[in-house]
């Protein structure tokens, strides 16, 4: 009796997962595209090119998988593309902040040198 219930449960579980896999991962694709767009807007293409290229490539592969009706692969690749795009965006923002800090450090050093020159006899 227990084996029949387990088999029934397993069958239902497999059917449910197959039904879920049959649905196109439209939300995942949209989220990945939005993440890549945000990374692009943050200039990740230039400031974090490796991560940005990974995101773009995985999104392209996800789109191909979606066209081939391989929804499970499309969902996986879209999720990975979104993560790569988020990393690219964060690294790009970090690079931009580093540049700003460097500029302010240079300005502070110039001001310090000017103040020291004024105080020198």
N, C-alpha and C. Protein backbone atom coordinates (compact mmCIF):
# COMPACT_ATOMS: atom_id res chain seq x y z
N UNK A 1 0.82 -1.19 0.00
CA UNK A 1 0.00 0.00 0.00
C UNK A 1 0.87 1.26 0.00
N UNK A 2 1.95 1.27 0.77
CA UNK A 2 2.84 2.43 0.85
C UNK A 2 3.55 2.69 -0.46
N UNK A 3 3.91 1.62 -1.16
CA UNK A 3 4.61 1.78 -2.44
C UNK A 3 3.68 2.40 -3.47
N UNK A 4 2.40 2.02 -3.46
CA UNK A 4 1.45 2.61 -4.40
C UNK A 4 1.29 4.11 -4.16
N UNK A 5 1.20 4.49 -2.90
CA UNK A 5 1.05 5.91 -2.57
C UNK A 5 2.30 6.68 -2.99
N UNK A 6 3.45 6.10 -2.72
CA UNK A 6 4.70 6.76 -3.10
C UNK A 6 4.78 6.90 -4.62
N UNK A 7 4.40 5.84 -5.33
CA UNK A 7 4.42 5.89 -6.79
C UNK A 7 3.45 6.94 -7.32
N UNK A 8 2.27 7.02 -6.70
CA UNK A 8 1.29 8.02 -7.10
C UNK A 8 1.83 9.42 -6.84
N UNK A 9 2.41 9.61 -5.66
CA UNK A 9 2.98 10.91 -5.30
C UNK A 9 4.10 11.29 -6.27
N UNK A 10 4.97 10.33 -6.56
CA UNK A 10 6.07 10.58 -7.48
C UNK A 10 5.55 10.93 -8.87
N UNK A 11 4.52 10.22 -9.31
CA UNK A 11 3.92 10.51 -10.61
C UNK A 11 3.32 11.90 -10.68
N UNK A 12 2.62 12.29 -9.61
CA UNK A 12 2.05 13.63 -9.56
C UNK A 12 3.14 14.70 -9.54
N UNK A 13 4.19 14.42 -8.80
CA UNK A 13 5.31 15.36 -8.72
C UNK A 13 5.97 15.53 -10.08
N UNK A 14 6.19 14.44 -10.77
CA UNK A 14 6.80 14.51 -12.10
C UNK A 14 5.88 15.22 -13.09
N UNK A 15 4.58 14.96 -12.99
CA UNK A 15 3.62 15.64 -13.87
C UNK A 15 3.62 17.14 -13.63
N UNK A 16 3.66 17.52 -12.35
CA UNK A 16 3.66 18.94 -12.01
C UNK A 16 4.93 19.61 -12.51
N UNK A 17 6.06 18.95 -12.33
CA UNK A 17 7.31 19.56 -12.80
C UNK A 17 7.35 19.62 -14.32
N UNK A 18 6.79 18.64 -14.99
CA UNK A 18 6.74 18.67 -16.45
C UNK A 18 5.83 19.80 -16.92
N UNK A 19 4.73 20.01 -16.22
CA UNK A 19 3.82 21.10 -16.58
C UNK A 19 4.49 22.44 -16.37
N UNK A 20 5.26 22.57 -15.29
CA UNK A 20 5.97 23.81 -15.02
C UNK A 20 7.03 24.06 -16.10
N UNK A 21 7.70 23.01 -16.51
CA UNK A 21 8.75 23.14 -17.52
C UNK A 21 8.15 23.48 -18.88
N UNK A 22 6.88 23.13 -19.09
CA UNK A 22 6.24 23.38 -20.37
C UNK A 22 5.91 24.85 -20.56
N UNK A 23 5.84 25.61 -19.47
CA UNK A 23 5.52 27.03 -19.58
C UNK A 23 6.77 27.82 -19.96
N UNK A 24 6.65 28.72 -20.90
CA UNK A 24 7.80 29.57 -21.25
C UNK A 24 8.19 30.45 -20.06
N UNK A 25 9.47 30.59 -19.79
CA UNK A 25 9.92 31.39 -18.64
C UNK A 25 9.94 32.89 -18.97
N UNK A 26 8.77 33.42 -19.25
CA UNK A 26 8.70 34.82 -19.69
C UNK A 26 9.13 35.79 -18.61
N UNK A 27 8.76 35.52 -17.37
CA UNK A 27 9.15 36.42 -16.27
C UNK A 27 10.66 36.42 -16.09
N UNK A 28 11.27 35.24 -16.16
CA UNK A 28 12.72 35.14 -16.02
C UNK A 28 13.43 35.87 -17.16
N UNK A 29 12.89 35.72 -18.36
CA UNK A 29 13.49 36.39 -19.52
C UNK A 29 13.38 37.91 -19.38
N UNK A 30 12.22 38.38 -18.95
CA UNK A 30 12.04 39.83 -18.78
C UNK A 30 12.95 40.38 -17.68
N UNK A 31 13.07 39.63 -16.59
CA UNK A 31 13.94 40.07 -15.50
C UNK A 31 15.40 40.11 -15.95
N UNK A 32 15.81 39.12 -16.71
CA UNK A 32 17.19 39.08 -17.20
C UNK A 32 17.44 40.24 -18.16
N UNK A 33 16.50 40.50 -19.06
CA UNK A 33 16.66 41.61 -20.01
C UNK A 33 16.75 42.94 -19.26
N UNK A 34 15.90 43.10 -18.24
CA UNK A 34 15.93 44.34 -17.44
C UNK A 34 17.27 44.49 -16.72
N UNK A 35 17.80 43.39 -16.19
CA UNK A 35 19.09 43.43 -15.49
C UNK A 35 20.21 43.79 -16.46
N UNK A 36 20.19 43.22 -17.66
CA UNK A 36 21.21 43.54 -18.66
C UNK A 36 21.08 45.01 -19.08
N UNK A 37 19.86 45.49 -19.23
CA UNK A 37 19.65 46.90 -19.58
C UNK A 37 20.18 47.83 -18.49
N UNK A 38 19.96 47.47 -17.22
CA UNK A 38 20.49 48.28 -16.12
C UNK A 38 22.01 48.28 -16.12
N UNK A 39 22.60 47.12 -16.39
CA UNK A 39 24.06 47.02 -16.44
C UNK A 39 24.60 47.87 -17.60
N UNK A 40 23.93 47.83 -18.72
CA UNK A 40 24.34 48.63 -19.87
C UNK A 40 24.24 50.12 -19.54
N UNK A 41 23.17 50.50 -18.87
CA UNK A 41 22.99 51.91 -18.48
C UNK A 41 24.07 52.36 -17.50
N UNK A 42 24.59 51.42 -16.72
CA UNK A 42 25.67 51.73 -15.76
C UNK A 42 27.04 51.71 -16.44
N UNK A 43 27.06 51.55 -17.76
CA UNK A 43 28.29 51.51 -18.56
C UNK A 43 29.14 50.28 -18.25
N UNK A 44 28.47 49.19 -17.88
CA UNK A 44 29.18 47.95 -17.57
C UNK A 44 29.90 47.39 -18.79
N UNK A 45 29.41 47.72 -19.97
CA UNK A 45 30.07 47.24 -21.19
C UNK A 45 31.53 47.68 -21.22
N UNK A 46 31.81 48.86 -20.65
CA UNK A 46 33.18 49.38 -20.63
C UNK A 46 33.86 49.21 -19.27
N UNK A 47 33.09 49.30 -18.19
CA UNK A 47 33.67 49.27 -16.85
C UNK A 47 33.75 47.87 -16.25
N UNK A 48 32.93 46.94 -16.75
CA UNK A 48 32.96 45.54 -16.30
C UNK A 48 32.67 44.66 -17.51
N UNK A 49 33.55 44.70 -18.52
CA UNK A 49 33.25 44.06 -19.80
C UNK A 49 33.10 42.55 -19.74
N UNK A 50 33.86 41.89 -18.90
CA UNK A 50 33.79 40.43 -18.85
C UNK A 50 32.43 39.99 -18.32
N UNK A 51 32.01 40.56 -17.20
CA UNK A 51 30.73 40.20 -16.60
C UNK A 51 29.57 40.59 -17.52
N UNK A 52 29.69 41.76 -18.14
CA UNK A 52 28.63 42.22 -19.04
C UNK A 52 28.50 41.28 -20.24
N UNK A 53 29.64 40.84 -20.78
CA UNK A 53 29.60 39.93 -21.93
C UNK A 53 29.01 38.58 -21.55
N UNK A 54 29.33 38.08 -20.34
CA UNK A 54 28.72 36.84 -19.87
C UNK A 54 27.20 36.99 -19.84
N UNK A 55 26.74 38.10 -19.30
CA UNK A 55 25.29 38.33 -19.19
C UNK A 55 24.65 38.38 -20.57
N UNK A 56 25.24 39.13 -21.48
CA UNK A 56 24.71 39.24 -22.84
C UNK A 56 24.67 37.88 -23.53
N UNK A 57 25.76 37.13 -23.40
CA UNK A 57 25.84 35.82 -24.06
C UNK A 57 24.80 34.86 -23.51
N UNK A 58 24.68 34.82 -22.19
CA UNK A 58 23.71 33.90 -21.59
C UNK A 58 22.28 34.30 -21.94
N UNK A 59 22.02 35.59 -22.02
CA UNK A 59 20.68 36.03 -22.41
C UNK A 59 20.40 35.63 -23.85
N UNK A 60 21.37 35.76 -24.73
CA UNK A 60 21.20 35.33 -26.13
C UNK A 60 20.94 33.84 -26.21
N UNK A 61 21.70 33.07 -25.43
CA UNK A 61 21.49 31.62 -25.41
C UNK A 61 20.12 31.27 -24.84
N UNK A 62 19.68 32.02 -23.84
CA UNK A 62 18.35 31.79 -23.27
C UNK A 62 17.27 32.06 -24.32
N UNK A 63 17.45 33.11 -25.11
CA UNK A 63 16.49 33.42 -26.16
C UNK A 63 16.45 32.31 -27.21
N UNK A 64 17.61 31.76 -27.54
CA UNK A 64 17.65 30.63 -28.49
C UNK A 64 16.96 29.40 -27.90
N UNK A 65 17.22 29.13 -26.63
CA UNK A 65 16.59 27.98 -25.98
C UNK A 65 15.07 28.17 -25.93
N UNK A 66 14.63 29.39 -25.71
CA UNK A 66 13.19 29.67 -25.68
C UNK A 66 12.58 29.42 -27.06
N UNK A 67 13.27 29.84 -28.11
CA UNK A 67 12.78 29.59 -29.48
C UNK A 67 12.71 28.10 -29.78
N UNK A 68 13.66 27.34 -29.21
CA UNK A 68 13.68 25.89 -29.41
C UNK A 68 12.73 25.16 -28.47
N UNK A 69 11.98 25.93 -27.68
CA UNK A 69 11.02 25.39 -26.72
C UNK A 69 11.68 24.58 -25.61
N UNK A 70 12.96 24.84 -25.36
CA UNK A 70 13.66 24.22 -24.24
C UNK A 70 13.53 25.18 -23.06
N UNK A 71 12.36 25.16 -22.44
CA UNK A 71 12.02 26.14 -21.42
C UNK A 71 12.85 26.00 -20.16
N UNK A 72 13.20 24.79 -19.80
CA UNK A 72 14.01 24.60 -18.59
C UNK A 72 15.39 25.24 -18.78
N UNK A 73 16.00 25.00 -19.92
CA UNK A 73 17.31 25.59 -20.20
C UNK A 73 17.20 27.11 -20.32
N UNK A 74 16.14 27.58 -20.96
CA UNK A 74 15.94 29.02 -21.11
C UNK A 74 15.82 29.68 -19.74
N UNK A 75 15.08 29.06 -18.84
CA UNK A 75 14.91 29.63 -17.49
C UNK A 75 16.24 29.66 -16.75
N UNK A 76 17.00 28.58 -16.86
CA UNK A 76 18.30 28.50 -16.18
C UNK A 76 19.25 29.58 -16.72
N UNK A 77 19.33 29.69 -18.02
CA UNK A 77 20.23 30.68 -18.64
C UNK A 77 19.78 32.11 -18.35
N UNK A 78 18.47 32.34 -18.34
CA UNK A 78 17.97 33.68 -18.04
C UNK A 78 18.31 34.06 -16.61
N UNK A 79 18.17 33.12 -15.69
CA UNK A 79 18.52 33.39 -14.30
C UNK A 79 20.00 33.71 -14.18
N UNK A 80 20.83 32.92 -14.83
CA UNK A 80 22.28 33.16 -14.79
C UNK A 80 22.63 34.51 -15.44
N UNK A 81 21.95 34.83 -16.53
CA UNK A 81 22.20 36.12 -17.20
C UNK A 81 21.85 37.27 -16.28
N UNK A 82 20.76 37.14 -15.55
CA UNK A 82 20.37 38.18 -14.61
C UNK A 82 21.39 38.37 -13.51
N UNK A 83 21.91 37.27 -13.00
CA UNK A 83 22.93 37.34 -11.94
C UNK A 83 24.22 37.96 -12.48
N UNK A 84 24.64 37.53 -13.67
CA UNK A 84 25.84 38.11 -14.28
C UNK A 84 25.66 39.60 -14.55
N UNK A 85 24.47 39.98 -14.98
CA UNK A 85 24.20 41.40 -15.26
C UNK A 85 24.23 42.22 -13.97
N UNK A 86 23.68 41.67 -12.90
CA UNK A 86 23.73 42.38 -11.62
C UNK A 86 25.17 42.56 -11.15
N UNK A 87 25.97 41.52 -11.32
CA UNK A 87 27.39 41.62 -10.96
C UNK A 87 28.08 42.69 -11.81
N UNK A 88 27.80 42.68 -13.11
CA UNK A 88 28.40 43.68 -14.00
C UNK A 88 27.99 45.09 -13.59
N UNK A 89 26.73 45.26 -13.24
CA UNK A 89 26.25 46.59 -12.81
C UNK A 89 26.96 47.04 -11.54
N UNK A 90 27.07 46.15 -10.58
CA UNK A 90 27.73 46.50 -9.31
C UNK A 90 29.20 46.82 -9.54
N UNK A 91 29.87 46.03 -10.35
CA UNK A 91 31.29 46.30 -10.63
C UNK A 91 31.47 47.62 -11.39
N UNK A 92 30.56 47.90 -12.30
CA UNK A 92 30.64 49.17 -13.04
C UNK A 92 30.43 50.35 -12.09
N UNK A 93 29.46 50.24 -11.22
CA UNK A 93 29.23 51.32 -10.25
C UNK A 93 30.44 51.47 -9.32
N UNK A 94 31.02 50.35 -8.93
CA UNK A 94 32.22 50.39 -8.09
C UNK A 94 33.38 51.07 -8.80
N UNK A 95 33.55 50.78 -10.07
CA UNK A 95 34.63 51.41 -10.85
C UNK A 95 34.39 52.91 -10.96
N UNK A 96 33.14 53.29 -11.17
CA UNK A 96 32.81 54.71 -11.27
C UNK A 96 33.09 55.41 -9.93
N UNK A 97 32.71 54.78 -8.83
CA UNK A 97 32.97 55.36 -7.51
C UNK A 97 34.47 55.47 -7.23
N UNK A 98 35.22 54.45 -7.64
CA UNK A 98 36.68 54.50 -7.47
C UNK A 98 37.27 55.69 -8.21
N UNK A 99 36.79 55.93 -9.42
CA UNK A 99 37.27 57.08 -10.20
C UNK A 99 36.96 58.39 -9.48
N UNK A 100 35.75 58.49 -8.93
CA UNK A 100 35.37 59.70 -8.20
C UNK A 100 36.25 59.90 -6.97
N UNK A 101 36.51 58.83 -6.25
CA UNK A 101 37.38 58.91 -5.07
C UNK A 101 38.78 59.34 -5.48
N UNK A 102 39.29 58.77 -6.57
CA UNK A 102 40.63 59.14 -7.05
C UNK A 102 40.69 60.62 -7.41
N UNK A 103 39.65 61.12 -8.09
CA UNK A 103 39.63 62.54 -8.46
C UNK A 103 39.61 63.43 -7.21
N UNK A 104 38.81 63.04 -6.23
CA UNK A 104 38.72 63.85 -5.01
C UNK A 104 40.02 63.77 -4.21
N UNK A 105 40.66 62.62 -4.24
CA UNK A 105 41.94 62.47 -3.55
C UNK A 105 42.98 63.38 -4.20
N UNK A 106 43.01 63.40 -5.53
CA UNK A 106 43.94 64.29 -6.24
C UNK A 106 43.65 65.75 -5.92
N UNK A 107 42.38 66.12 -5.90
CA UNK A 107 42.01 67.51 -5.59
C UNK A 107 42.43 67.86 -4.16
N UNK A 108 42.23 66.93 -3.24
CA UNK A 108 42.64 67.17 -1.84
C UNK A 108 44.16 67.33 -1.73
N UNK A 109 44.89 66.51 -2.46
CA UNK A 109 46.35 66.61 -2.43
C UNK A 109 46.82 67.95 -3.00
N UNK A 110 46.18 68.38 -4.07
CA UNK A 110 46.54 69.67 -4.67
C UNK A 110 46.23 70.81 -3.70
N UNK A 111 45.08 70.73 -3.05
CA UNK A 111 44.71 71.76 -2.08
C UNK A 111 45.67 71.76 -0.89
N UNK A 112 46.02 70.58 -0.42
CA UNK A 112 46.96 70.46 0.70
C UNK A 112 48.32 71.07 0.32
N UNK A 113 48.78 70.77 -0.88
CA UNK A 113 50.06 71.31 -1.34
C UNK A 113 49.99 72.83 -1.44
N UNK A 114 48.86 73.34 -1.93
CA UNK A 114 48.69 74.79 -2.05
C UNK A 114 48.69 75.45 -0.67
N UNK A 115 47.99 74.83 0.27
CA UNK A 115 47.95 75.39 1.63
C UNK A 115 49.32 75.35 2.30
N UNK A 116 50.05 74.28 2.06
CA UNK A 116 51.40 74.18 2.64
C UNK A 116 52.33 75.21 2.01
N UNK A 117 52.18 75.46 0.71
CA UNK A 117 53.01 76.46 0.04
C UNK A 117 52.72 77.86 0.57
N UNK A 118 51.46 78.12 0.88
CA UNK A 118 51.10 79.44 1.43
C UNK A 118 51.71 79.65 2.82
N UNK A 119 51.78 78.57 3.57
CA UNK A 119 52.30 78.67 4.93
C UNK A 119 53.82 78.69 4.99
N UNK A 120 54.48 78.33 3.91
CA UNK A 120 55.96 78.30 3.90
C UNK A 120 56.50 79.71 3.78
N UNK A 121 57.62 80.00 4.48
CA UNK A 121 58.21 81.35 4.43
C UNK A 121 58.89 81.65 3.11
